[in-house]
PDB file of N, CA and C in Angstrom:
ATOM      1  N   MET A   1       0.799  -1.156  -0.096  1.00  0.00           N
ATOM      2  CA  MET A   1       0.033   0.022  -0.154  1.00  0.00           C
ATOM      3  C   MET A   1       0.955   1.097  -0.062  1.00  0.00           C
ATOM      4  N   TYR A   2       1.790   1.374   0.870  1.00  0.00           N
ATOM      5  CA  TYR A   2       2.944   2.401   0.956  1.00  0.00           C
ATOM      6  C   TYR A   2       3.294   2.781  -0.516  1.00  0.00           C
ATOM      7  N   LYS A   3       3.778   1.728  -1.249  1.00  0.00           N
ATOM      8  CA  LYS A   3       4.358   1.988  -2.475  1.00  0.00           C
ATOM      9  C   LYS A   3       3.365   2.474  -3.551  1.00  0.00           C
ATOM     10  N   ALA A   4       2.195   2.173  -3.317  1.00  0.00           N
ATOM     11  CA  ALA A   4       1.144   2.616  -4.160  1.00  0.00           C
ATOM     12  C   ALA A   4       1.039   4.239  -4.017  1.00  0.00           C
ATOM     13  N   ILE A   5       0.978   4.441  -2.795  1.00  0.00           N
ATOM     14  CA  ILE A   5       0.918   5.979  -2.334  1.00  0.00           C
ATOM     15  C   ILE A   5       1.989   6.693  -2.994  1.00  0.00           C
ATOM     16  N   VAL A   6       3.175   6.139  -2.661  1.00  0.00           N
ATOM     17  CA  VAL A   6       4.367   6.849  -3.119  1.00  0.00           C
ATOM     18  C   VAL A   6       4.372   7.038  -4.546  1.00  0.00           C
ATOM     19  N   LEU A   7       4.053   5.997  -5.307  1.00  0.00           N
ATOM     20  CA  LEU A   7       3.885   5.943  -6.763  1.00  0.00           C
ATOM     21  C   LEU A   7       3.053   7.167  -7.398  1.00  0.00           C
ATOM     22  N   LEU A   8       1.655   7.082  -6.546  1.00  0.00           N
ATOM     23  CA  LEU A   8       0.760   7.963  -7.119  1.00  0.00           C
ATOM     24  C   LEU A   8       1.100   9.502  -6.840  1.00  0.00           C
ATOM     25  N   LEU A   9       1.759   9.688  -5.743  1.00  0.00           N
ATOM     26  CA  LEU A   9       2.362  10.998  -5.461  1.00  0.00           C
ATOM     27  C   LEU A   9       3.439  11.383  -6.423  1.00  0.00           C
ATOM     28  N   SER A  10       4.284  10.534  -6.888  1.00  0.00           N
ATOM     29  CA  SER A  10       5.418  10.630  -7.764  1.00  0.00           C
ATOM     30  C   SER A  10       4.738  11.316  -9.029  1.00  0.00           C
ATOM     31  N   LEU A  11       3.786  10.417  -9.461  1.00  0.00           N
ATOM     32  CA  LEU A  11       3.070  10.628 -10.769  1.00  0.00           C
ATOM     33  C   LEU A  11       2.347  12.334 -10.799  1.00  0.00           C
ATOM     34  N   SER A  12       1.742  12.337  -9.766  1.00  0.00           N
ATOM     35  CA  SER A  12       1.154  13.646  -9.652  1.00  0.00           C
ATOM     36  C   SER A  12       2.163  14.741  -9.778  1.00  0.00           C
ATOM     37  N   ALA A  13       3.056  14.613  -8.860  1.00  0.00           N
ATOM     38  CA  ALA A  13       4.246  15.718  -8.685  1.00  0.00           C
ATOM     39  C   ALA A  13       4.836  15.908 -10.155  1.00  0.00           C
ATOM     40  N   VAL A  14       5.287  14.886 -10.693  1.00  0.00           N
ATOM     41  CA  VAL A  14       6.034  14.935 -12.065  1.00  0.00           C
ATOM     42  C   VAL A  14       5.098  15.549 -13.172  1.00  0.00           C
ATOM     43  N   SER A  15       3.815  15.227 -13.152  1.00  0.00           N
ATOM     44  CA  SER A  15       2.886  15.895 -14.012  1.00  0.00           C
ATOM     45  C   SER A  15       2.720  17.419 -13.904  1.00  0.00           C
ATOM     46  N   ALA A  16       2.879  17.938 -12.499  1.00  0.00           N
ATOM     47  CA  ALA A  16       2.722  19.196 -12.215  1.00  0.00           C
ATOM     48  C   ALA A  16       3.886  20.130 -12.414  1.00  0.00           C
ATOM     49  N   CYS A  17       4.877  19.612 -12.660  1.00  0.00           N
ATOM     50  CA  CYS A  17       6.281  20.405 -12.680  1.00  0.00           C
ATOM     51  C   CYS A  17       6.373  21.216 -13.788  1.00  0.00           C
ATOM     52  N   ALA A  18       6.948  22.302 -13.687  1.00  0.00           N
ATOM     53  CA  ALA A  18       7.347  23.394 -14.577  1.00  0.00           C
ATOM     54  C   ALA A  18       8.250  22.617 -15.644  1.00  0.00           C
ATOM     55  N   THR A  19       7.802  22.943 -16.904  1.00  0.00           N
ATOM     56  CA  THR A  19       8.824  22.479 -18.016  1.00  0.00           C
ATOM     57  C   THR A  19       9.982  23.649 -18.312  1.00  0.00           C
ATOM     58  N   GLN A  20      11.168  23.097 -18.548  1.00  0.00           N
ATOM     59  CA  GLN A  20      12.327  23.768 -19.072  1.00  0.00           C
ATOM     60  C   GLN A  20      11.657  24.647 -20.272  1.00  0.00           C
ATOM     61  N   ALA A  21      11.961  25.928 -20.362  1.00  0.00           N
ATOM     62  CA  ALA A  21      11.553  26.867 -21.341  1.00  0.00           C
ATOM     63  C   ALA A  21      11.849  26.425 -22.738  1.00  0.00           C
ATOM     64  N   ASP A  22      13.087  25.667 -22.686  1.00  0.00           N
ATOM     65  CA  ASP A  22      13.468  25.411 -24.333  1.00  0.00           C
ATOM     66  C   ASP A  22      12.674  24.285 -24.853  1.00  0.00           C
ATOM     67  N   GLU A  23      11.916  23.424 -23.879  1.00  0.00           N
ATOM     68  CA  GLU A  23      11.225  22.208 -24.134  1.00  0.00           C
ATOM     69  C   GLU A  23       9.689  22.697 -24.477  1.00  0.00           C
ATOM     70  N   ILE A  24       9.385  23.827 -24.632  1.00  0.00           N
ATOM     71  CA  ILE A  24       8.105  24.375 -24.807  1.00  0.00           C
ATOM     72  C   ILE A  24       7.829  24.653 -26.209  1.00  0.00           C
ATOM     73  N   THR A  25       6.787  23.846 -26.804  1.00  0.00           N
ATOM     74  CA  THR A  25       6.613  24.238 -28.407  1.00  0.00           C
ATOM     75  C   THR A  25       5.763  25.229 -28.373  1.00  0.00           C
ATOM     76  N   PRO A  26       6.344  26.324 -29.473  1.00  0.00           N
ATOM     77  CA  PRO A  26       5.597  27.530 -29.698  1.00  0.00           C
ATOM     78  C   PRO A  26       4.083  27.307 -30.008  1.00  0.00           C
ATOM     79  N   ASN A  27       3.142  27.998 -29.874  1.00  0.00           N
ATOM     80  CA  ASN A  27       1.631  28.081 -30.306  1.00  0.00           C
ATOM     81  C   ASN A  27       1.901  28.511 -31.921  1.00  0.00           C
ATOM     82  N   GLU A  28       1.225  27.908 -32.671  1.00  0.00           N
ATOM     83  CA  GLU A  28       1.022  28.361 -33.898  1.00  0.00           C
ATOM     84  C   GLU A  28       0.297  29.475 -34.113  1.00  0.00           C
ATOM     85  N   LEU A  29       0.982  30.715 -34.812  1.00  0.00           N
ATOM     86  CA  LEU A  29       0.297  32.194 -34.931  1.00  0.00           C
ATOM     87  C   LEU A  29       0.415  32.591 -36.309  1.00  0.00           C
ATOM     88  N   SER A  30      -0.453  32.888 -37.155  1.00  0.00           N
ATOM     89  CA  SER A  30      -0.260  33.379 -38.346  1.00  0.00           C
ATOM     90  C   SER A  30       0.648  34.793 -38.515  1.00  0.00           C
ATOM     91  N   PRO A  31       1.482  34.674 -39.475  1.00  0.00           N
ATOM     92  CA  PRO A  31       2.088  35.923 -39.832  1.00  0.00           C
ATOM     93  C   PRO A  31       1.344  36.885 -40.368  1.00  0.00           C
ATOM     94  N   LEU A  32       0.130  36.485 -40.801  1.00  0.00           N
ATOM     95  CA  LEU A  32      -0.747  37.469 -41.487  1.00  0.00           C
ATOM     96  C   LEU A  32      -1.429  38.526 -40.523  1.00  0.00           C
ATOM     97  N   THR A  33      -1.315  38.109 -39.154  1.00  0.00           N
ATOM     98  CA  THR A  33      -1.699  39.058 -38.277  1.00  0.00           C
ATOM     99  C   THR A  33      -0.789  40.238 -38.165  1.00  0.00           C
ATOM    100  N   TYR A  34       0.362  40.243 -38.736  1.00  0.00           N
ATOM    101  CA  TYR A  34       1.371  41.561 -38.675  1.00  0.00           C
ATOM    102  C   TYR A  34       1.567  41.879 -40.187  1.00  0.00           C
ATOM    103  N   SER A  35       0.831  41.487 -41.153  1.00  0.00           N
ATOM    104  CA  SER A  35       0.986  41.799 -42.473  1.00  0.00           C
ATOM    105  C   SER A  35       0.923  43.299 -42.878  1.00  0.00           C
ATOM    106  N   LYS A  36       0.129  44.200 -42.141  1.00  0.00           N
ATOM    107  CA  LYS A  36      -0.006  45.385 -42.187  1.00  0.00           C
ATOM    108  C   LYS A  36       1.051  46.411 -41.457  1.00  0.00           C
ATOM    109  N   TYR A  37       2.156  45.803 -40.815  1.00  0.00           N
ATOM    110  CA  TYR A  37       2.948  46.311 -39.961  1.00  0.00           C
ATOM    111  C   TYR A  37       4.099  46.766 -40.897  1.00  0.00           C
ATOM    112  N   SER A  38       4.685  48.061 -40.671  1.00  0.00           N
ATOM    113  CA  SER A  38       5.965  48.406 -41.534  1.00  0.00           C
ATOM    114  C   SER A  38       7.223  47.702 -40.737  1.00  0.00           C
ATOM    115  N   CYS A  39       8.245  47.789 -41.329  1.00  0.00           N
ATOM    116  CA  CYS A  39       9.349  46.979 -41.078  1.00  0.00           C
ATOM    117  C   CYS A  39       9.886  47.656 -39.549  1.00  0.00           C
ATOM    118  N   PRO A  40       9.775  48.910 -39.442  1.00  0.00           N
ATOM    119  CA  PRO A  40      10.222  49.289 -38.068  1.00  0.00           C
ATOM    120  C   PRO A  40       9.361  48.941 -36.950  1.00  0.00           C
ATOM    121  N   THR A  41       7.906  48.851 -37.329  1.00  0.00           N
ATOM    122  CA  THR A  41       7.000  48.468 -36.232  1.00  0.00           C
ATOM    123  C   THR A  41       7.195  46.883 -35.894  1.00  0.00           C
ATOM    124  N   LEU A  42       7.564  46.168 -37.016  1.00  0.00           N
ATOM    125  CA  LEU A  42       7.613  44.832 -36.809  1.00  0.00           C
ATOM    126  C   LEU A  42       9.050  44.656 -35.963  1.00  0.00           C
ATOM    127  N   ARG A  43      10.222  45.355 -36.065  1.00  0.00           N
ATOM    128  CA  ARG A  43      11.191  45.299 -35.495  1.00  0.00           C
ATOM    129  C   ARG A  43      10.910  45.613 -34.045  1.00  0.00           C
ATOM    130  N   LEU A  44      10.265  46.822 -33.650  1.00  0.00           N
ATOM    131  CA  LEU A  44       9.798  47.043 -32.316  1.00  0.00           C
ATOM    132  C   LEU A  44       9.154  46.015 -31.625  1.00  0.00           C
ATOM    133  N   HIS A  45       7.973  45.315 -32.270  1.00  0.00           N
ATOM    134  CA  HIS A  45       7.126  44.494 -31.752  1.00  0.00           C
ATOM    135  C   HIS A  45       8.127  43.205 -31.234  1.00  0.00           C
ATOM    136  N   ALA A  46       8.975  42.944 -32.456  1.00  0.00           N
ATOM    137  CA  ALA A  46       9.950  41.757 -32.323  1.00  0.00           C
ATOM    138  C   ALA A  46      10.825  41.952 -30.688  1.00  0.00           C
ATOM    139  N   MET A  47      11.452  43.246 -30.710  1.00  0.00           N
ATOM    140  CA  MET A  47      12.174  43.457 -29.626  1.00  0.00           C
ATOM    141  C   MET A  47      11.472  43.279 -28.427  1.00  0.00           C
ATOM    142  N   ARG A  48      10.185  43.738 -28.238  1.00  0.00           N
ATOM    143  CA  ARG A  48       9.213  43.609 -27.140  1.00  0.00           C
ATOM    144  C   ARG A  48       9.147  42.219 -26.772  1.00  0.00           C
ATOM    145  N   ILE A  49       8.741  41.377 -27.860  1.00  0.00           N
ATOM    146  CA  ILE A  49       8.536  40.079 -27.560  1.00  0.00           C
ATOM    147  C   ILE A  49       9.714  39.403 -26.972  1.00  0.00           C
ATOM    148  N   ASP A  50      10.866  39.552 -27.685  1.00  0.00           N
ATOM    149  CA  ASP A  50      12.131  38.981 -27.346  1.00  0.00           C
ATOM    150  C   ASP A  50      12.332  39.358 -25.762  1.00  0.00           C
ATOM    151  N   ASN A  51      12.425  40.498 -25.285  1.00  0.00           N
ATOM    152  CA  ASN A  51      12.732  40.958 -23.869  1.00  0.00           C
ATOM    153  C   ASN A  51      11.771  40.257 -23.111  1.00  0.00           C
ATOM    154  N   SER A  52      10.332  40.166 -23.315  1.00  0.00           N
ATOM    155  CA  SER A  52       9.615  39.540 -22.594  1.00  0.00           C
ATOM    156  C   SER A  52       9.665  37.995 -22.555  1.00  0.00           C
ATOM    157  N   LEU A  53      10.071  37.371 -23.596  1.00  0.00           N
ATOM    158  CA  LEU A  53      10.332  36.105 -23.489  1.00  0.00           C
ATOM    159  C   LEU A  53      11.435  35.678 -22.714  1.00  0.00           C
ATOM    160  N   ASN A  54      12.495  36.627 -22.875  1.00  0.00           N
ATOM    161  CA  ASN A  54      13.875  36.216 -22.003  1.00  0.00           C
ATOM    162  C   ASN A  54      13.462  36.276 -20.609  1.00  0.00           C
ATOM    163  N   LEU A  55      12.650  37.380 -20.043  1.00  0.00           N
ATOM    164  CA  LEU A  55      12.340  37.303 -18.799  1.00  0.00           C
ATOM    165  C   LEU A  55      11.317  36.187 -18.402  1.00  0.00           C
ATOM    166  N   ALA A  56      10.518  35.827 -19.094  1.00  0.00           N
ATOM    167  CA  ALA A  56       9.631  34.652 -18.805  1.00  0.00           C
ATOM    168  C   ALA A  56      10.355  33.394 -18.737  1.00  0.00           C
ATOM    169  N   THR A  57      11.302  33.261 -19.869  1.00  0.00           N
ATOM    170  CA  THR A  57      12.236  32.047 -19.976  1.00  0.00           C
ATOM    171  C   THR A  57      13.080  31.729 -18.566  1.00  0.00           C
ATOM    172  N   GLY A  58      13.515  32.786 -17.956  1.00  0.00           N
ATOM    173  CA  GLY A  58      14.270  32.869 -16.772  1.00  0.00           C
ATOM    174  C   GLY A  58      13.574  32.510 -15.840  1.00  0.00           C
ATOM    175  N   ARG A  59      12.165  33.085 -15.506  1.00  0.00           N
ATOM    176  CA  ARG A  59      11.163  32.791 -14.485  1.00  0.00           C
ATOM    177  C   ARG A  59      10.763  31.302 -14.799  1.00  0.00           C
ATOM    178  N   GLN A  60      10.632  30.888 -15.935  1.00  0.00           N
ATOM    179  CA  GLN A  60      10.012  29.403 -16.108  1.00  0.00           C
ATOM    180  C   GLN A  60      11.126  28.347 -15.900  1.00  0.00           C
ATOM    181  N   ASN A  61      12.444  28.674 -16.270  1.00  0.00           N
ATOM    182  CA  ASN A  61      13.411  27.673 -15.868  1.00  0.00           C
ATOM    183  C   ASN A  61      13.922  27.682 -14.159  1.00  0.00           C
ATOM    184  N   ASP A  62      13.862  28.948 -13.559  1.00  0.00           N
ATOM    185  CA  ASP A  62      13.723  28.934 -12.254  1.00  0.00           C
ATOM    186  C   ASP A  62      12.830  28.030 -11.584  1.00  0.00           C
ATOM    187  N   ALA A  63      11.505  28.093 -11.953  1.00  0.00           N
ATOM    188  CA  ALA A  63      10.477  27.284 -11.311  1.00  0.00           C
ATOM    189  C   ALA A  63      10.629  26.009 -11.638  1.00  0.00           C
ATOM    190  N   ALA A  64      11.141  25.486 -12.940  1.00  0.00           N
ATOM    191  CA  ALA A  64      11.492  24.141 -13.220  1.00  0.00           C
ATOM    192  C   ALA A  64      12.525  23.589 -12.151  1.00  0.00           C
ATOM    193  N   LYS A  65      13.607  24.363 -12.027  1.00  0.00           N
ATOM    194  CA  LYS A  65      14.380  23.830 -11.008  1.00  0.00           C
ATOM    195  C   LYS A  65      13.996  23.936  -9.537  1.00  0.00           C
ATOM    196  N   ARG A  66      13.256  24.574  -9.256  1.00  0.00           N
ATOM    197  CA  ARG A  66      12.695  24.602  -7.837  1.00  0.00           C
ATOM    198  C   ARG A  66      11.589  23.353  -7.763  1.00  0.00           C
ATOM    199  N   ASP A  67      11.051  23.076  -8.632  1.00  0.00           N
ATOM    200  CA  ASP A  67       9.815  21.895  -8.906  1.00  0.00           C
ATOM    201  C   ASP A  67      10.778  20.541  -8.653  1.00  0.00           C
ATOM    202  N   GLU A  68      11.866  20.457  -9.382  1.00  0.00           N
ATOM    203  CA  GLU A  68      12.619  19.380  -9.329  1.00  0.00           C
ATOM    204  C   GLU A  68      13.194  19.084  -7.913  1.00  0.00           C
ATOM    205  N   VAL A  69      13.464  20.126  -7.317  1.00  0.00           N
ATOM    206  CA  VAL A  69      13.877  20.092  -5.968  1.00  0.00           C
ATOM    207  C   VAL A  69      12.844  19.645  -4.980  1.00  0.00           C
ATOM    208  N   ARG A  70      11.706  20.120  -5.166  1.00  0.00           N
ATOM    209  CA  ARG A  70      10.503  20.085  -4.364  1.00  0.00           C
ATOM    210  C   ARG A  70       9.943  18.600  -4.602  1.00  0.00           C
ATOM    211  N   VAL A  71      10.069  17.994  -5.852  1.00  0.00           N
ATOM    212  CA  VAL A  71       9.626  16.619  -6.115  1.00  0.00           C
ATOM    213  C   VAL A  71      10.542  15.641  -5.425  1.00  0.00           C
ATOM    214  N   ALA A  72      11.902  15.961  -5.385  1.00  0.00           N
ATOM    215  CA  ALA A  72      12.895  15.111  -4.668  1.00  0.00           C
ATOM    216  C   ALA A  72      12.578  15.124  -3.154  1.00  0.00           C
ATOM    217  N   ALA A  73      12.282  16.411  -2.734  1.00  0.00           N
ATOM    218  CA  ALA A  73      12.022  16.561  -1.215  1.00  0.00           C
ATOM    219  C   ALA A  73      10.666  15.704  -0.958  1.00  0.00           C
ATOM    220  N   ALA A  74       9.507  15.701  -1.910  1.00  0.00           N
ATOM    221  CA  ALA A  74       8.505  15.070  -1.555  1.00  0.00           C
ATOM    222  C   ALA A  74       8.416  13.759  -1.577  1.00  0.00           C
ATOM    223  N   LEU A  75       9.577  13.011  -2.431  1.00  0.00           N
ATOM    224  CA  LEU A  75       9.645  11.617  -2.666  1.00  0.00           C
ATOM    225  C   LEU A  75      10.685  10.910  -1.518  1.00  0.00           C
ATOM    226  N   PHE A  76      11.814  11.872  -1.032  1.00  0.00           N
ATOM    227  CA  PHE A  76      12.520  11.322  -0.221  1.00  0.00           C
ATOM    228  C   PHE A  76      12.338  11.758   1.138  1.00  0.00           C
ATOM    229  N   LEU A  77      11.988  12.932   1.354  1.00  0.00           N
ATOM    230  CA  LEU A  77      11.861  13.699   2.750  1.00  0.00           C
ATOM    231  C   LEU A  77      10.542  13.765   3.453  1.00  0.00           C
ATOM    232  N   PHE A  78       9.896  14.517   2.605  1.00  0.00           N
ATOM    233  CA  PHE A  78       8.464  15.202   3.263  1.00  0.00           C
ATOM    234  C   PHE A  78       7.457  15.344   2.074  1.00  0.00           C
ATOM    235  N   TRP A  79       6.644  14.294   2.160  1.00  0.00           N
ATOM    236  CA  TRP A  79       5.601  14.288   0.846  1.00  0.00           C
ATOM    237  C   TRP A  79       4.708  15.495   0.579  1.00  0.00           C
ATOM    238  N   PRO A  80       4.418  16.264   1.996  1.00  0.00           N
ATOM    239  CA  PRO A  80       3.454  17.539   1.761  1.00  0.00           C
ATOM    240  C   PRO A  80       4.065  18.474   0.784  1.00  0.00           C
ATOM    241  N   ALA A  81       5.597  18.339   0.573  1.00  0.00           N
ATOM    242  CA  ALA A  81       6.358  19.093  -0.392  1.00  0.00           C
ATOM    243  C   ALA A  81       5.563  19.148  -1.737  1.00  0.00           C
ATOM    244  N   VAL A  82       5.018  18.236  -2.061  1.00  0.00           N
ATOM    245  CA  VAL A  82       4.492  17.892  -3.312  1.00  0.00           C
ATOM    246  C   VAL A  82       3.371  19.071  -3.753  1.00  0.00           C
ATOM    247  N   PHE A  83       2.846  19.807  -2.666  1.00  0.00           N
ATOM    248  CA  PHE A  83       1.670  20.638  -2.661  1.00  0.00           C
ATOM    249  C   PHE A  83       2.433  22.110  -2.954  1.00  0.00           C
ATOM    250  N   LEU A  84       3.617  22.170  -3.035  1.00  0.00           N
ATOM    251  CA  LEU A  84       4.400  23.396  -3.352  1.00  0.00           C
ATOM    252  C   LEU A  84       4.725  23.442  -4.895  1.00  0.00           C
ATOM    253  N   ILE A  85       4.659  22.757  -5.475  1.00  0.00           N
ATOM    254  CA  ILE A  85       4.949  22.620  -6.965  1.00  0.00           C
ATOM    255  C   ILE A  85       4.035  23.551  -7.751  1.00  0.00           C
ATOM    256  N   ASP A  86       4.640  24.416  -8.396  1.00  0.00           N
ATOM    257  CA  ASP A  86       3.748  25.433  -8.967  1.00  0.00           C
ATOM    258  C   ASP A  86       3.338  25.246 -10.517  1.00  0.00           C
ATOM    259  N   GLY A  87       4.257  24.457 -11.324  1.00  0.00           N
ATOM    260  CA  GLY A  87       4.055  24.128 -12.607  1.00  0.00           C
ATOM    261  C   GLY A  87       4.438  25.155 -13.740  1.00  0.00           C
ATOM    262  N   GLY A  88       4.734  26.479 -13.158  1.00  0.00           N
ATOM    263  CA  GLY A  88       5.315  27.312 -14.348  1.00  0.00           C
ATOM    264  C   GLY A  88       4.320  28.033 -15.222  1.00  0.00           C
ATOM    265  N   ASP A  89       4.544  28.591 -16.367  1.00  0.00           N
ATOM    266  CA  ASP A  89       3.629  29.256 -17.239  1.00  0.00           C
ATOM    267  C   ASP A  89       3.921  28.963 -18.539  1.00  0.00           C
ATOM    268  N   ASP A  90       3.613  27.648 -18.865  1.00  0.00           N
ATOM    269  CA  ASP A  90       4.043  27.041 -20.091  1.00  0.00           C
ATOM    270  C   ASP A  90       3.324  27.701 -21.356  1.00  0.00           C
ATOM    271  N   ASN A  91       1.965  28.094 -21.048  1.00  0.00           N
ATOM    272  CA  ASN A  91       1.142  28.588 -22.337  1.00  0.00           C
ATOM    273  C   ASN A  91       1.595  29.918 -22.377  1.00  0.00           C
ATOM    274  N   LYS A  92       1.967  30.750 -21.499  1.00  0.00           N
ATOM    275  CA  LYS A  92       2.579  32.151 -21.921  1.00  0.00           C
ATOM    276  C   LYS A  92       3.756  32.174 -22.797  1.00  0.00           C
ATOM    277  N   ILE A  93       4.632  31.236 -22.486  1.00  0.00           N
ATOM    278  CA  ILE A  93       5.946  31.266 -23.243  1.00  0.00           C
ATOM    279  C   ILE A  93       5.582  30.735 -24.311  1.00  0.00           C
ATOM    280  N   ALA A  94       4.628  29.510 -24.648  1.00  0.00           N
ATOM    281  CA  ALA A  94       4.334  29.095 -25.853  1.00  0.00           C
ATOM    282  C   ALA A  94       3.769  30.183 -26.917  1.00  0.00           C
ATOM    283  N   THR A  95       2.903  30.884 -26.256  1.00  0.00           N
ATOM    284  CA  THR A  95       2.472  32.115 -26.991  1.00  0.00           C
ATOM    285  C   THR A  95       3.491  33.112 -27.557  1.00  0.00           C
ATOM    286  N   MET A  96       4.155  33.480 -26.571  1.00  0.00           N
ATOM    287  CA  MET A  96       5.250  34.440 -26.859  1.00  0.00           C
ATOM    288  C   MET A  96       6.304  33.867 -28.125  1.00  0.00           C
ATOM    289  N   LYS A  97       6.654  32.547 -27.944  1.00  0.00           N
ATOM    290  CA  LYS A  97       7.405  31.954 -28.997  1.00  0.00           C
ATOM    291  C   LYS A  97       6.592  32.143 -30.232  1.00  0.00           C
ATOM    292  N   GLY A  98       5.466  31.653 -30.329  1.00  0.00           N
ATOM    293  CA  GLY A  98       4.503  31.684 -31.454  1.00  0.00           C
ATOM    294  C   GLY A  98       4.439  33.309 -32.117  1.00  0.00           C
ATOM    295  N   GLN A  99       4.287  34.147 -31.020  1.00  0.00           N
ATOM    296  CA  GLN A  99       4.420  35.618 -31.827  1.00  0.00           C
ATOM    297  C   GLN A  99       5.616  35.915 -32.317  1.00  0.00           C
ATOM    298  N   ALA A 100       6.692  35.518 -31.597  1.00  0.00           N
ATOM    299  CA  ALA A 100       8.195  35.651 -32.204  1.00  0.00           C
ATOM    300  C   ALA A 100       8.325  35.085 -33.751  1.00  0.00           C
ATOM    301  N   ASN A 101       7.876  33.877 -33.575  1.00  0.00           N
ATOM    302  CA  ASN A 101       8.040  33.067 -35.022  1.00  0.00           C
ATOM    303  C   ASN A 101       7.274  33.783 -36.083  1.00  0.00           C
ATOM    304  N   ALA A 102       5.949  34.195 -35.763  1.00  0.00           N
ATOM    305  CA  ALA A 102       5.041  35.115 -36.678  1.00  0.00           C
ATOM    306  C   ALA A 102       5.774  36.300 -37.107  1.00  0.00           C
ATOM    307  N   LEU A 103       6.370  37.153 -36.268  1.00  0.00           N
ATOM    308  CA  LEU A 103       6.885  38.355 -36.405  1.00  0.00           C
ATOM    309  C   LEU A 103       7.977  38.014 -37.472  1.00  0.00           C
ATOM    310  N   LEU A 104       8.778  37.162 -37.045  1.00  0.00           N
ATOM    311  CA  LEU A 104       9.995  37.036 -37.851  1.00  0.00           C
ATOM    312  C   LEU A 104       9.492  36.622 -39.602  1.00  0.00           C
ATOM    313  N   GLU A 105       8.597  35.702 -39.437  1.00  0.00           N
ATOM    314  CA  GLU A 105       7.998  35.169 -40.847  1.00  0.00           C
ATOM    315  C   GLU A 105       7.469  36.366 -41.656  1.00  0.00           C
ATOM    316  N   ALA A 106       6.619  37.199 -40.969  1.00  0.00           N
ATOM    317  CA  ALA A 106       5.836  38.558 -41.484  1.00  0.00           C
ATOM    318  C   ALA A 106       7.091  39.440 -41.907  1.00  0.00           C
ATOM    319  N   ALA A 107       8.201  39.565 -41.362  1.00  0.00           N
ATOM    320  CA  ALA A 107       9.306  40.363 -41.547  1.00  0.00           C
ATOM    321  C   ALA A 107       9.956  39.851 -42.910  1.00  0.00           C
ATOM    322  N   GLU A 108      10.257  38.537 -42.820  1.00  0.00           N
ATOM    323  CA  GLU A 108      10.827  37.797 -43.885  1.00  0.00           C
ATOM    324  C   GLU A 108      10.145  38.088 -45.146  1.00  0.00           C
ATOM    325  N   ARG A 109       8.582  37.956 -45.251  1.00  0.00           N
ATOM    326  CA  ARG A 109       7.707  38.043 -46.219  1.00  0.00           C
ATOM    327  C   ARG A 109       7.865  39.626 -46.702  1.00  0.00           C
ATOM    328  N   LYS A 110       7.893  40.465 -46.015  1.00  0.00           N
ATOM    329  CA  LYS A 110       8.218  41.929 -46.463  1.00  0.00           C
ATOM    330  C   LYS A 110       9.331  42.350 -46.620  1.00  0.00           C
ATOM    331  N   GLY A 111      10.425  41.569 -46.695  1.00  0.00           N
ATOM    332  CA  GLY A 111      11.735  42.035 -46.982  1.00  0.00           C
ATOM    333  C   GLY A 111      12.467  42.852 -46.111  1.00  0.00           C
ATOM    334  N   CYS A 112      12.049  42.743 -44.762  1.00  0.00           N
ATOM    335  CA  CYS A 112      12.881  43.548 -43.785  1.00  0.00           C
ATOM    336  C   CYS A 112      14.137  43.092 -43.364  1.00  0.00           C
ATOM    337  N   ILE A 113      14.103  41.858 -43.493  1.00  0.00           N
ATOM    338  CA  ILE A 113      15.396  41.073 -43.113  1.00  0.00           C
ATOM    339  C   ILE A 113      15.917  40.302 -44.197  1.00  0.00           C
TER     340      ILE A 113
END
């Protein structure tokens, strides 16, 4: 019975863990969203998304590291630590990555780069 409880806690803890930012797949966004933008406007939006993505990536990777420690603590030391796992912000990063890809493709289509 004890092994079943530990296994159940392990599975729930691992599924709730934050993902490393580089493992998050971008959401598919259409570059047509940005088709009316000028090259300078595309560059400005790309810089803003890039800055936001860099900050979010750092927070996401920190959350992933914290979650790894909490899972280890939950499994080996103190099982209530499993409730401290926050899961990160995968969807926000996926959206920003998709925006960055769409902006890049729109800039390529316009001949900006």
